[in-house]
Amino acid sequence: MYRIGFFPLRLGLSPQVTRSAFRRVFSSSAPAEACTSRKPGQNQPSSASTGCQPASAMRQPLRSAWTMDFWTCRSTWKRAGLNTLRCLVGCSIGDFSVLWLLQTYYLDLGMGTIMAASMAGGITTSIILETILLRRGADQLSWPMAARTAMGMSMVSMVAMEMTENIVDYHLTGGQVNLEDPQFWMAAVLSIGAGFLAPLPYNYLRLRKYGKACH
């Protein structure tokens, strides 16, 4: 059995290979502007073929987000999608856990209070998860630095994700958690999918235009 941080794996691979695979998946150390990164000696593709901004353009004025080619960089979409997915996992764990806990034991709080508490719980678990990934992943930050970096993530992205999840869930289930009802799980899948899509364009925008990731 091999162990990557705190994840045990039973694979016929060397520890170096498994650690490398883990860091490639969860690393946030890739260049923020993925479209401008080039390997040494690699020919730079044209902007027309990739839709991405060449490295030399970094010294030019920022490209307008109102142009169509601004939104066609595949590598930036991939990086923004990974960042959003990491945030989604953390937010969903806290959101649904708090929602279930309060509805089970503190139903008299009222649905508005329960929904607000579940949003706060989702943001908290997202920050905790990101702190762990920054510490155990390729970044290898110290715990204090990882925590500060995680808390500096885009709050706009996390709030938009939480609000969308809760609005969709409330519309479909009335905010009721019933683990034995298949409709609850279908609603959960739809609300999580909506929570992923809602902040994705915003995360792409920050990454593409300003080189800033939410993670």
N, C-alpha and C. Protein backbone atom coordinates (compact mmCIF):
# COMPACT_ATOMS: atom_id res chain seq x y z
N MET A 1 0.85 -1.20 0.00
CA MET A 1 0.00 0.00 0.00
C MET A 1 0.88 1.24 0.00
N TYR A 2 0.56 2.14 -0.89
CA TYR A 2 1.29 3.41 -0.94
C TYR A 2 0.41 4.50 -0.40
N ARG A 3 1.01 5.54 0.09
CA ARG A 3 0.26 6.64 0.70
C ARG A 3 0.72 7.95 0.09
N ILE A 4 -0.27 8.71 -0.43
CA ILE A 4 0.01 10.05 -0.94
C ILE A 4 -0.58 11.01 0.05
N GLY A 5 0.22 11.62 0.87
CA GLY A 5 -0.30 12.46 1.93
C GLY A 5 -1.09 11.57 2.86
N PHE A 6 -2.42 11.73 2.85
CA PHE A 6 -3.27 10.93 3.70
C PHE A 6 -4.17 10.01 2.89
N PHE A 7 -3.86 9.82 1.54
CA PHE A 7 -4.67 8.98 0.70
C PHE A 7 -3.94 7.66 0.44
N PRO A 8 -4.40 6.52 1.03
CA PRO A 8 -3.74 5.24 0.75
C PRO A 8 -4.20 4.70 -0.58
N LEU A 9 -3.27 4.15 -1.36
CA LEU A 9 -3.58 3.58 -2.66
C LEU A 9 -2.95 2.20 -2.78
N ARG A 10 -3.70 1.26 -3.39
CA ARG A 10 -3.16 -0.05 -3.67
C ARG A 10 -2.91 -0.13 -5.17
N LEU A 11 -1.75 0.27 -5.59
CA LEU A 11 -1.40 0.28 -6.99
C LEU A 11 -0.03 -0.35 -7.17
N GLY A 12 0.17 -0.93 -8.34
CA GLY A 12 1.47 -1.50 -8.63
C GLY A 12 2.41 -0.47 -9.20
N LEU A 13 2.48 0.70 -8.60
CA LEU A 13 3.31 1.80 -9.06
C LEU A 13 4.23 2.22 -7.94
N SER A 14 5.30 2.86 -8.32
CA SER A 14 6.22 3.35 -7.32
C SER A 14 5.63 4.56 -6.63
N PRO A 15 6.05 4.85 -5.40
CA PRO A 15 5.52 6.04 -4.71
C PRO A 15 5.76 7.31 -5.49
N GLN A 16 6.90 7.38 -6.23
CA GLN A 16 7.17 8.60 -6.99
C GLN A 16 6.14 8.81 -8.09
N VAL A 17 5.71 7.71 -8.74
CA VAL A 17 4.73 7.83 -9.83
C VAL A 17 3.37 8.25 -9.29
N THR A 18 2.94 7.63 -8.19
CA THR A 18 1.63 7.97 -7.64
C THR A 18 1.59 9.39 -7.10
N ARG A 19 2.68 9.84 -6.49
CA ARG A 19 2.72 11.23 -6.02
C ARG A 19 2.65 12.19 -7.19
N SER A 20 3.35 11.85 -8.28
CA SER A 20 3.34 12.72 -9.46
C SER A 20 1.94 12.82 -10.06
N ALA A 21 1.23 11.67 -10.12
CA ALA A 21 -0.12 11.68 -10.67
C ALA A 21 -1.06 12.50 -9.81
N PHE A 22 -0.95 12.36 -8.50
CA PHE A 22 -1.79 13.12 -7.58
C PHE A 22 -1.58 14.61 -7.77
N ARG A 23 -0.32 15.01 -7.88
CA ARG A 23 -0.03 16.45 -7.97
C ARG A 23 -0.47 17.03 -9.29
N ARG A 24 -0.43 16.22 -10.37
CA ARG A 24 -0.90 16.74 -11.65
C ARG A 24 -2.39 17.02 -11.61
N VAL A 25 -3.16 16.17 -10.89
CA VAL A 25 -4.60 16.35 -10.83
C VAL A 25 -4.99 17.51 -9.95
N PHE A 26 -4.36 17.62 -8.76
CA PHE A 26 -4.80 18.59 -7.77
C PHE A 26 -3.90 19.81 -7.70
N SER A 27 -2.88 19.88 -8.55
CA SER A 27 -1.95 21.00 -8.44
C SER A 27 -2.61 22.29 -8.86
N SER A 28 -2.27 23.35 -8.15
CA SER A 28 -2.69 24.70 -8.55
C SER A 28 -1.48 25.52 -8.92
N SER A 29 -0.36 24.82 -9.25
CA SER A 29 0.88 25.54 -9.52
C SER A 29 1.09 25.82 -10.98
N ALA A 30 0.13 25.38 -11.84
CA ALA A 30 0.25 25.69 -13.26
C ALA A 30 0.12 27.18 -13.45
N PRO A 31 0.70 27.74 -14.55
CA PRO A 31 0.60 29.18 -14.76
C PRO A 31 -0.84 29.62 -14.78
N ALA A 32 -1.11 30.75 -14.14
CA ALA A 32 -2.48 31.24 -14.07
C ALA A 32 -3.02 31.51 -15.46
N GLU A 33 -2.22 32.10 -16.32
CA GLU A 33 -2.64 32.31 -17.70
C GLU A 33 -2.10 31.14 -18.51
N ALA A 34 -2.89 30.07 -18.55
CA ALA A 34 -2.42 28.83 -19.15
C ALA A 34 -2.14 29.00 -20.64
N CYS A 35 -2.80 29.94 -21.29
CA CYS A 35 -2.66 30.09 -22.73
C CYS A 35 -1.29 30.61 -23.13
N THR A 36 -0.56 31.19 -22.21
CA THR A 36 0.72 31.80 -22.56
C THR A 36 1.90 30.95 -22.16
N SER A 37 1.67 29.80 -21.52
CA SER A 37 2.79 28.97 -21.08
C SER A 37 3.31 28.16 -22.25
N ARG A 38 4.60 28.07 -22.41
CA ARG A 38 5.24 27.34 -23.49
C ARG A 38 6.41 26.55 -22.93
N LYS A 39 6.59 25.34 -23.45
CA LYS A 39 7.77 24.57 -23.09
C LYS A 39 8.98 25.09 -23.86
N PRO A 40 10.18 24.94 -23.31
CA PRO A 40 11.37 25.41 -24.01
C PRO A 40 11.50 24.75 -25.37
N GLY A 41 11.73 25.56 -26.38
CA GLY A 41 11.93 25.06 -27.73
C GLY A 41 10.65 24.76 -28.47
N GLN A 42 9.51 24.91 -27.83
CA GLN A 42 8.23 24.62 -28.47
C GLN A 42 7.79 25.81 -29.31
N ASN A 43 7.35 25.52 -30.53
CA ASN A 43 6.86 26.58 -31.41
C ASN A 43 5.57 27.12 -30.86
N GLN A 44 5.43 28.41 -30.92
CA GLN A 44 4.23 29.06 -30.39
C GLN A 44 3.13 28.99 -31.42
N PRO A 45 1.99 28.38 -31.10
CA PRO A 45 0.88 28.31 -32.06
C PRO A 45 0.27 29.68 -32.27
N SER A 46 -0.39 29.81 -33.39
CA SER A 46 -1.00 31.10 -33.72
C SER A 46 -2.24 31.30 -32.88
N SER A 47 -2.61 32.56 -32.69
CA SER A 47 -3.80 32.89 -31.91
C SER A 47 -5.05 32.36 -32.59
N ALA A 48 -5.02 32.31 -33.94
CA ALA A 48 -6.19 31.86 -34.66
C ALA A 48 -6.48 30.39 -34.41
N SER A 49 -5.42 29.58 -34.24
CA SER A 49 -5.62 28.15 -34.06
C SER A 49 -5.98 27.79 -32.63
N THR A 50 -5.58 28.55 -31.67
CA THR A 50 -5.82 28.22 -30.27
C THR A 50 -6.83 29.12 -29.60
N GLY A 51 -7.01 30.33 -30.12
CA GLY A 51 -7.89 31.27 -29.46
C GLY A 51 -7.27 31.86 -28.21
N CYS A 52 -5.98 31.66 -28.01
CA CYS A 52 -5.31 32.09 -26.79
C CYS A 52 -4.38 33.25 -27.08
N GLN A 53 -4.13 33.99 -26.05
CA GLN A 53 -3.30 35.18 -26.17
C GLN A 53 -1.83 34.78 -26.14
N PRO A 54 -1.02 35.17 -27.14
CA PRO A 54 0.40 34.84 -27.12
C PRO A 54 1.11 35.53 -25.98
N ALA A 55 2.27 34.97 -25.60
CA ALA A 55 3.00 35.49 -24.46
C ALA A 55 3.41 36.95 -24.66
N SER A 56 3.76 37.30 -25.90
CA SER A 56 4.19 38.68 -26.15
C SER A 56 3.07 39.67 -25.90
N ALA A 57 1.82 39.20 -25.97
CA ALA A 57 0.68 40.10 -25.78
C ALA A 57 0.46 40.46 -24.32
N MET A 58 1.21 39.82 -23.42
CA MET A 58 1.04 40.13 -22.01
C MET A 58 1.42 41.58 -21.72
N ARG A 59 2.27 42.16 -22.57
CA ARG A 59 2.68 43.55 -22.37
C ARG A 59 1.72 44.53 -23.00
N GLN A 60 0.70 44.01 -23.70
CA GLN A 60 -0.25 44.88 -24.37
C GLN A 60 -1.47 45.09 -23.48
N PRO A 61 -2.33 46.05 -23.83
CA PRO A 61 -3.54 46.26 -23.03
C PRO A 61 -4.37 45.00 -22.93
N LEU A 62 -5.12 44.86 -21.85
CA LEU A 62 -5.94 43.68 -21.62
C LEU A 62 -6.98 43.54 -22.72
N ARG A 63 -7.19 42.29 -23.16
CA ARG A 63 -8.16 42.03 -24.21
C ARG A 63 -9.58 42.17 -23.65
N SER A 64 -10.46 42.67 -24.47
CA SER A 64 -11.83 42.89 -24.03
C SER A 64 -12.58 41.56 -23.94
N ALA A 65 -13.35 41.41 -22.87
CA ALA A 65 -14.15 40.20 -22.70
C ALA A 65 -15.37 40.19 -23.60
N TRP A 66 -15.61 41.28 -24.32
CA TRP A 66 -16.76 41.36 -25.21
C TRP A 66 -16.48 40.79 -26.58
N THR A 67 -15.25 40.37 -26.85
CA THR A 67 -14.91 39.77 -28.13
C THR A 67 -15.09 38.25 -28.05
N MET A 68 -15.46 37.64 -29.18
CA MET A 68 -15.73 36.21 -29.19
C MET A 68 -14.48 35.38 -28.92
N ASP A 69 -13.32 35.79 -29.46
CA ASP A 69 -12.12 34.97 -29.30
C ASP A 69 -11.60 34.99 -27.86
N PHE A 70 -12.07 35.93 -27.05
CA PHE A 70 -11.67 35.96 -25.64
C PHE A 70 -12.12 34.68 -24.94
N TRP A 71 -13.24 34.11 -25.37
CA TRP A 71 -13.84 32.96 -24.69
C TRP A 71 -13.52 31.63 -25.36
N THR A 72 -12.50 31.58 -26.21
CA THR A 72 -12.23 30.36 -26.97
C THR A 72 -10.92 29.67 -26.58
N CYS A 73 -10.36 30.02 -25.44
CA CYS A 73 -9.10 29.40 -25.02
C CYS A 73 -9.39 28.10 -24.26
N ARG A 74 -9.10 26.97 -24.88
CA ARG A 74 -9.43 25.68 -24.28
C ARG A 74 -8.65 25.42 -23.00
N SER A 75 -7.37 25.76 -22.99
CA SER A 75 -6.56 25.49 -21.81
C SER A 75 -7.03 26.31 -20.61
N THR A 76 -7.51 27.53 -20.86
CA THR A 76 -8.03 28.34 -19.77
C THR A 76 -9.36 27.79 -19.27
N TRP A 77 -10.20 27.30 -20.18
CA TRP A 77 -11.45 26.67 -19.76
C TRP A 77 -11.15 25.43 -18.91
N LYS A 78 -10.13 24.68 -19.31
CA LYS A 78 -9.78 23.47 -18.56
C LYS A 78 -9.32 23.82 -17.16
N ARG A 79 -8.45 24.83 -17.06
CA ARG A 79 -7.95 25.24 -15.75
C ARG A 79 -9.08 25.84 -14.89
N ALA A 80 -9.93 26.65 -15.50
CA ALA A 80 -11.04 27.23 -14.76
C ALA A 80 -12.01 26.15 -14.30
N GLY A 81 -12.22 25.13 -15.14
CA GLY A 81 -13.08 24.03 -14.76
C GLY A 81 -12.54 23.24 -13.59
N LEU A 82 -11.22 23.01 -13.57
CA LEU A 82 -10.61 22.29 -12.46
C LEU A 82 -10.71 23.10 -11.17
N ASN A 83 -10.45 24.40 -11.26
CA ASN A 83 -10.57 25.26 -10.08
C ASN A 83 -12.00 25.24 -9.54
N THR A 84 -12.97 25.34 -10.46
CA THR A 84 -14.37 25.36 -10.05
C THR A 84 -14.78 24.03 -9.44
N LEU A 85 -14.27 22.93 -10.00
CA LEU A 85 -14.60 21.60 -9.47
C LEU A 85 -14.09 21.43 -8.05
N ARG A 86 -12.88 21.89 -7.80
CA ARG A 86 -12.33 21.80 -6.45
C ARG A 86 -13.18 22.58 -5.46
N CYS A 87 -13.60 23.75 -5.87
CA CYS A 87 -14.47 24.57 -5.02
C CYS A 87 -15.82 23.89 -4.82
N LEU A 88 -16.34 23.27 -5.88
CA LEU A 88 -17.64 22.62 -5.82
C LEU A 88 -17.65 21.46 -4.82
N VAL A 89 -16.58 20.66 -4.82
CA VAL A 89 -16.50 19.53 -3.90
C VAL A 89 -16.55 20.02 -2.46
N GLY A 90 -15.72 21.02 -2.15
CA GLY A 90 -15.69 21.54 -0.80
C GLY A 90 -17.00 22.18 -0.39
N CYS A 91 -17.59 22.98 -1.28
CA CYS A 91 -18.84 23.66 -0.95
C CYS A 91 -19.98 22.67 -0.76
N SER A 92 -20.07 21.65 -1.61
CA SER A 92 -21.17 20.71 -1.54
C SER A 92 -21.12 19.88 -0.27
N ILE A 93 -19.92 19.49 0.15
CA ILE A 93 -19.79 18.70 1.37
C ILE A 93 -20.36 19.46 2.56
N GLY A 94 -19.92 20.70 2.73
CA GLY A 94 -20.40 21.49 3.86
C GLY A 94 -21.85 21.88 3.74
N ASP A 95 -22.28 22.25 2.53
CA ASP A 95 -23.64 22.71 2.31
C ASP A 95 -24.65 21.64 2.69
N PHE A 96 -24.53 20.45 2.10
CA PHE A 96 -25.51 19.40 2.34
C PHE A 96 -25.39 18.82 3.75
N SER A 97 -24.19 18.80 4.31
CA SER A 97 -24.02 18.30 5.67
C SER A 97 -24.74 19.19 6.68
N VAL A 98 -24.54 20.51 6.56
CA VAL A 98 -25.20 21.44 7.47
C VAL A 98 -26.70 21.43 7.24
N LEU A 99 -27.12 21.36 5.98
CA LEU A 99 -28.54 21.33 5.66
C LEU A 99 -29.21 20.12 6.31
N TRP A 100 -28.58 18.95 6.21
CA TRP A 100 -29.15 17.74 6.82
C TRP A 100 -29.14 17.83 8.34
N LEU A 101 -28.05 18.32 8.91
CA LEU A 101 -27.93 18.40 10.36
C LEU A 101 -29.00 19.31 10.97
N LEU A 102 -29.15 20.50 10.40
CA LEU A 102 -30.10 21.46 10.96
C LEU A 102 -31.54 21.03 10.74
N GLN A 103 -31.83 20.44 9.59
CA GLN A 103 -33.20 19.98 9.35
C GLN A 103 -33.55 18.78 10.21
N THR A 104 -32.56 18.02 10.61
CA THR A 104 -32.82 16.84 11.44
C THR A 104 -33.00 17.19 12.90
N TYR A 105 -32.18 18.11 13.40
CA TYR A 105 -32.17 18.39 14.84
C TYR A 105 -32.64 19.79 15.22
N TYR A 106 -32.65 20.73 14.26
CA TYR A 106 -33.00 22.11 14.60
C TYR A 106 -33.97 22.68 13.58
N LEU A 107 -35.03 21.94 13.29
CA LEU A 107 -35.97 22.36 12.26
C LEU A 107 -36.70 23.65 12.62
N ASP A 108 -36.79 23.95 13.93
CA ASP A 108 -37.50 25.15 14.35
C ASP A 108 -36.76 26.43 14.01
N LEU A 109 -35.54 26.33 13.49
CA LEU A 109 -34.78 27.53 13.11
C LEU A 109 -35.41 28.27 11.93
N GLY A 110 -36.13 27.56 11.10
CA GLY A 110 -36.72 28.19 9.93
C GLY A 110 -35.85 27.97 8.70
N MET A 111 -36.49 27.88 7.52
CA MET A 111 -35.77 27.54 6.30
C MET A 111 -34.76 28.61 5.90
N GLY A 112 -35.08 29.90 6.11
CA GLY A 112 -34.14 30.95 5.74
C GLY A 112 -32.84 30.86 6.53
N THR A 113 -32.95 30.63 7.83
CA THR A 113 -31.76 30.51 8.66
C THR A 113 -30.96 29.26 8.30
N ILE A 114 -31.67 28.17 8.04
CA ILE A 114 -31.00 26.92 7.69
C ILE A 114 -30.23 27.07 6.37
N MET A 115 -30.85 27.71 5.38
CA MET A 115 -30.18 27.91 4.09
C MET A 115 -28.95 28.80 4.25
N ALA A 116 -29.05 29.86 5.03
CA ALA A 116 -27.90 30.74 5.24
C ALA A 116 -26.78 30.00 5.94
N ALA A 117 -27.13 29.19 6.94
CA ALA A 117 -26.11 28.42 7.66
C ALA A 117 -25.46 27.39 6.76
N SER A 118 -26.23 26.77 5.86
CA SER A 118 -25.66 25.78 4.95
C SER A 118 -24.70 26.44 3.97
N MET A 119 -24.99 27.67 3.54
CA MET A 119 -24.07 28.39 2.66
C MET A 119 -22.76 28.69 3.39
N ALA A 120 -22.87 29.13 4.64
CA ALA A 120 -21.66 29.41 5.41
C ALA A 120 -20.85 28.14 5.63
N GLY A 121 -21.54 27.02 5.89
CA GLY A 121 -20.85 25.76 6.05
C GLY A 121 -20.15 25.31 4.79
N GLY A 122 -20.79 25.52 3.63
CA GLY A 122 -20.17 25.15 2.36
C GLY A 122 -18.91 25.94 2.07
N ILE A 123 -18.95 27.24 2.32
CA ILE A 123 -17.76 28.08 2.10
C ILE A 123 -16.63 27.67 3.04
N THR A 124 -17.00 27.34 4.28
CA THR A 124 -15.98 26.93 5.26
C THR A 124 -15.29 25.64 4.84
N THR A 125 -16.06 24.63 4.44
CA THR A 125 -15.45 23.36 4.04
C THR A 125 -14.65 23.52 2.75
N SER A 126 -15.07 24.43 1.88
CA SER A 126 -14.30 24.68 0.66
C SER A 126 -12.92 25.24 0.99
N ILE A 127 -12.88 26.16 1.94
CA ILE A 127 -11.59 26.73 2.37
C ILE A 127 -10.73 25.67 3.04
N ILE A 128 -11.34 24.82 3.86
CA ILE A 128 -10.58 23.75 4.52
C ILE A 128 -10.00 22.79 3.50
N LEU A 129 -10.82 22.36 2.53
CA LEU A 129 -10.33 21.44 1.50
C LEU A 129 -9.21 22.05 0.69
N GLU A 130 -9.36 23.31 0.31
CA GLU A 130 -8.31 23.97 -0.48
C GLU A 130 -7.03 24.10 0.32
N THR A 131 -7.15 24.36 1.62
CA THR A 131 -5.95 24.43 2.47
C THR A 131 -5.20 23.11 2.46
N ILE A 132 -5.94 22.01 2.57
CA ILE A 132 -5.31 20.68 2.56
C ILE A 132 -4.63 20.40 1.23
N LEU A 133 -5.30 20.76 0.11
CA LEU A 133 -4.73 20.52 -1.21
C LEU A 133 -3.48 21.36 -1.44
N LEU A 134 -3.50 22.59 -0.98
CA LEU A 134 -2.32 23.45 -1.13
C LEU A 134 -1.16 22.93 -0.29
N ARG A 135 -1.46 22.30 0.82
CA ARG A 135 -0.41 21.76 1.68
C ARG A 135 0.10 20.42 1.17
N ARG A 136 -0.80 19.54 0.73
CA ARG A 136 -0.44 18.18 0.34
C ARG A 136 -0.16 18.02 -1.15
N GLY A 137 -0.63 18.97 -1.96
CA GLY A 137 -0.45 18.86 -3.40
C GLY A 137 0.92 19.33 -3.85
N ALA A 138 1.00 19.70 -5.12
CA ALA A 138 2.29 20.09 -5.70
C ALA A 138 2.84 21.38 -5.11
N ASP A 139 1.96 22.24 -4.60
CA ASP A 139 2.43 23.52 -4.06
C ASP A 139 3.26 23.35 -2.80
N GLN A 140 2.87 22.39 -1.95
CA GLN A 140 3.63 22.10 -0.74
C GLN A 140 3.83 23.35 0.13
N LEU A 141 2.77 24.15 0.25
CA LEU A 141 2.86 25.33 1.10
C LEU A 141 2.82 24.93 2.57
N SER A 142 3.34 25.80 3.41
CA SER A 142 3.21 25.56 4.84
C SER A 142 1.74 25.70 5.21
N TRP A 143 1.34 25.13 6.36
CA TRP A 143 -0.05 25.21 6.77
C TRP A 143 -0.54 26.64 6.91
N PRO A 144 0.21 27.54 7.54
CA PRO A 144 -0.26 28.93 7.65
C PRO A 144 -0.41 29.60 6.28
N MET A 145 0.57 29.39 5.38
CA MET A 145 0.49 29.99 4.06
C MET A 145 -0.65 29.39 3.25
N ALA A 146 -0.85 28.07 3.35
CA ALA A 146 -1.94 27.41 2.64
C ALA A 146 -3.29 27.95 3.11
N ALA A 147 -3.43 28.15 4.41
CA ALA A 147 -4.68 28.67 4.95
C ALA A 147 -4.94 30.10 4.48
N ARG A 148 -3.90 30.94 4.47
CA ARG A 148 -4.07 32.33 4.01
C ARG A 148 -4.42 32.36 2.53
N THR A 149 -3.78 31.49 1.74
CA THR A 149 -4.06 31.45 0.31
C THR A 149 -5.49 30.99 0.06
N ALA A 150 -5.93 29.96 0.79
CA ALA A 150 -7.29 29.45 0.62
C ALA A 150 -8.32 30.50 0.99
N MET A 151 -8.08 31.24 2.06
CA MET A 151 -9.03 32.27 2.47
C MET A 151 -9.01 33.47 1.54
N GLY A 152 -7.99 33.57 0.70
CA GLY A 152 -7.92 34.66 -0.27
C GLY A 152 -8.56 34.32 -1.60
N MET A 153 -9.22 33.15 -1.69
CA MET A 153 -9.89 32.78 -2.92
C MET A 153 -11.04 33.73 -3.23
N SER A 154 -11.54 33.66 -4.44
CA SER A 154 -12.62 34.56 -4.85
C SER A 154 -13.90 34.25 -4.08
N MET A 155 -14.32 35.16 -3.23
CA MET A 155 -15.56 34.99 -2.49
C MET A 155 -16.77 35.10 -3.41
N VAL A 156 -16.64 35.88 -4.49
CA VAL A 156 -17.73 36.01 -5.44
C VAL A 156 -18.07 34.64 -6.03
N SER A 157 -17.04 33.89 -6.41
CA SER A 157 -17.24 32.57 -7.00
C SER A 157 -17.93 31.63 -6.03
N MET A 158 -17.48 31.60 -4.78
CA MET A 158 -18.05 30.67 -3.81
C MET A 158 -19.48 31.04 -3.43
N VAL A 159 -19.76 32.33 -3.27
CA VAL A 159 -21.11 32.76 -2.93
C VAL A 159 -22.07 32.46 -4.08
N ALA A 160 -21.63 32.72 -5.32
CA ALA A 160 -22.48 32.43 -6.48
C ALA A 160 -22.78 30.94 -6.56
N MET A 161 -21.78 30.12 -6.29
CA MET A 161 -21.97 28.68 -6.32
C MET A 161 -22.97 28.23 -5.25
N GLU A 162 -22.79 28.73 -4.04
CA GLU A 162 -23.67 28.35 -2.93
C GLU A 162 -25.10 28.82 -3.16
N MET A 163 -25.26 30.05 -3.60
CA MET A 163 -26.61 30.58 -3.82
C MET A 163 -27.32 29.78 -4.91
N THR A 164 -26.61 29.46 -5.98
CA THR A 164 -27.23 28.71 -7.08
C THR A 164 -27.64 27.32 -6.62
N GLU A 165 -26.76 26.64 -5.92
CA GLU A 165 -27.11 25.32 -5.41
C GLU A 165 -28.35 25.35 -4.54
N ASN A 166 -28.40 26.29 -3.61
CA ASN A 166 -29.52 26.34 -2.68
C ASN A 166 -30.82 26.76 -3.35
N ILE A 167 -30.74 27.69 -4.31
CA ILE A 167 -31.96 28.11 -5.02
C ILE A 167 -32.55 26.95 -5.82
N VAL A 168 -31.69 26.23 -6.54
CA VAL A 168 -32.18 25.09 -7.33
C VAL A 168 -32.72 24.00 -6.41
N ASP A 169 -31.99 23.71 -5.34
CA ASP A 169 -32.43 22.67 -4.41
C ASP A 169 -33.76 23.04 -3.76
N TYR A 170 -33.90 24.29 -3.36
CA TYR A 170 -35.14 24.73 -2.72
C TYR A 170 -36.32 24.67 -3.70
N HIS A 171 -36.05 25.04 -4.95
CA HIS A 171 -37.10 25.01 -5.96
C HIS A 171 -37.58 23.59 -6.22
N LEU A 172 -36.67 22.62 -6.18
CA LEU A 172 -37.02 21.24 -6.52
C LEU A 172 -37.52 20.44 -5.32
N THR A 173 -37.01 20.72 -4.14
CA THR A 173 -37.34 19.90 -2.97
C THR A 173 -37.95 20.69 -1.82
N GLY A 174 -38.00 22.02 -1.96
CA GLY A 174 -38.45 22.83 -0.83
C GLY A 174 -37.42 22.91 0.26
N GLY A 175 -36.18 22.51 -0.07
CA GLY A 175 -35.10 22.55 0.91
C GLY A 175 -35.12 21.37 1.86
N GLN A 176 -35.96 20.36 1.59
CA GLN A 176 -36.08 19.21 2.47
C GLN A 176 -35.05 18.15 2.11
N VAL A 177 -34.38 17.61 3.12
CA VAL A 177 -33.40 16.55 2.92
C VAL A 177 -34.04 15.22 3.30
N ASN A 178 -34.22 14.36 2.31
CA ASN A 178 -34.77 13.02 2.53
C ASN A 178 -33.88 12.03 1.80
N LEU A 179 -32.97 11.42 2.53
CA LEU A 179 -31.96 10.56 1.92
C LEU A 179 -32.56 9.30 1.31
N GLU A 180 -33.79 8.95 1.67
CA GLU A 180 -34.42 7.75 1.13
C GLU A 180 -35.26 8.03 -0.11
N ASP A 181 -35.37 9.27 -0.48
CA ASP A 181 -36.20 9.65 -1.63
C ASP A 181 -35.31 9.82 -2.86
N PRO A 182 -35.52 9.05 -3.94
CA PRO A 182 -34.72 9.21 -5.16
C PRO A 182 -34.80 10.62 -5.74
N GLN A 183 -35.95 11.28 -5.56
CA GLN A 183 -36.09 12.63 -6.09
C GLN A 183 -35.13 13.61 -5.41
N PHE A 184 -34.83 13.35 -4.14
CA PHE A 184 -33.86 14.20 -3.45
C PHE A 184 -32.49 14.10 -4.12
N TRP A 185 -32.08 12.88 -4.46
CA TRP A 185 -30.77 12.69 -5.07
C TRP A 185 -30.73 13.26 -6.48
N MET A 186 -31.84 13.15 -7.21
CA MET A 186 -31.89 13.77 -8.53
C MET A 186 -31.79 15.29 -8.42
N ALA A 187 -32.48 15.85 -7.44
CA ALA A 187 -32.41 17.29 -7.22
C ALA A 187 -31.01 17.70 -6.79
N ALA A 188 -30.36 16.86 -5.99
CA ALA A 188 -29.00 17.16 -5.55
C ALA A 188 -28.04 17.21 -6.74
N VAL A 189 -28.18 16.25 -7.65
CA VAL A 189 -27.32 16.23 -8.84
C VAL A 189 -27.54 17.49 -9.68
N LEU A 190 -28.80 17.86 -9.88
CA LEU A 190 -29.10 19.06 -10.67
C LEU A 190 -28.58 20.33 -9.99
N SER A 191 -28.75 20.42 -8.69
CA SER A 191 -28.30 21.62 -7.98
C SER A 191 -26.78 21.72 -7.98
N ILE A 192 -26.09 20.59 -7.84
CA ILE A 192 -24.63 20.60 -7.89
C ILE A 192 -24.15 20.98 -9.28
N GLY A 193 -24.82 20.45 -10.32
CA GLY A 193 -24.45 20.83 -11.69
C GLY A 193 -24.64 22.32 -11.93
N ALA A 194 -25.76 22.86 -11.44
CA ALA A 194 -26.00 24.30 -11.57
C ALA A 194 -24.97 25.10 -10.79
N GLY A 195 -24.59 24.59 -9.61
CA GLY A 195 -23.57 25.26 -8.81
C GLY A 195 -22.21 25.29 -9.48
N PHE A 196 -21.93 24.27 -10.29
CA PHE A 196 -20.67 24.25 -11.05
C PHE A 196 -20.69 25.25 -12.20
N LEU A 197 -21.80 25.31 -12.91
CA LEU A 197 -21.88 26.16 -14.10
C LEU A 197 -21.98 27.64 -13.77
N ALA A 198 -22.61 27.98 -12.65
CA ALA A 198 -22.86 29.39 -12.34
C ALA A 198 -21.58 30.23 -12.25
N PRO A 199 -20.54 29.82 -11.51
CA PRO A 199 -19.35 30.66 -11.41
C PRO A 199 -18.29 30.38 -12.46
N LEU A 200 -18.52 29.37 -13.31
CA LEU A 200 -17.48 28.98 -14.27
C LEU A 200 -17.08 30.10 -15.22
N PRO A 201 -18.02 30.82 -15.86
CA PRO A 201 -17.60 31.92 -16.74
C PRO A 201 -16.84 33.01 -15.99
N TYR A 202 -17.24 33.30 -14.76
CA TYR A 202 -16.54 34.31 -13.96
C TYR A 202 -15.12 33.87 -13.64
N ASN A 203 -14.94 32.59 -13.30
CA ASN A 203 -13.60 32.09 -13.03
C ASN A 203 -12.73 32.12 -14.28
N TYR A 204 -13.33 31.80 -15.43
CA TYR A 204 -12.61 31.90 -16.70
C TYR A 204 -12.19 33.33 -16.98
N LEU A 205 -13.11 34.26 -16.75
CA LEU A 205 -12.83 35.68 -16.99
C LEU A 205 -11.64 36.15 -16.16
N ARG A 206 -11.64 35.84 -14.87
CA ARG A 206 -10.54 36.27 -14.00
C ARG A 206 -9.21 35.65 -14.43
N LEU A 207 -9.27 34.38 -14.83
CA LEU A 207 -8.06 33.67 -15.22
C LEU A 207 -7.52 34.18 -16.56
N ARG A 208 -8.42 34.42 -17.50
CA ARG A 208 -8.02 34.81 -18.86
C ARG A 208 -7.58 36.26 -18.93
N LYS A 209 -8.30 37.14 -18.23
CA LYS A 209 -8.03 38.57 -18.37
C LYS A 209 -6.99 39.07 -17.38
N TYR A 210 -7.06 38.55 -16.14
CA TYR A 210 -6.19 39.07 -15.09
C TYR A 210 -5.15 38.08 -14.60
N GLY A 211 -5.23 36.83 -15.07
CA GLY A 211 -4.30 35.83 -14.59
C GLY A 211 -4.54 35.44 -13.15
N LYS A 212 -5.79 35.61 -12.66
CA LYS A 212 -6.13 35.31 -11.28
C LYS A 212 -7.08 34.13 -11.23
N ALA A 213 -6.72 33.12 -10.43
CA ALA A 213 -7.57 31.96 -10.26
C ALA A 213 -8.30 32.05 -8.94
N CYS A 214 -9.50 31.45 -8.89
CA CYS A 214 -10.23 31.43 -7.63
C CYS A 214 -9.55 30.48 -6.66
N HIS A 215 -8.68 29.61 -7.18
CA HIS A 215 -7.91 28.69 -6.34
C HIS A 215 -6.45 28.81 -6.72
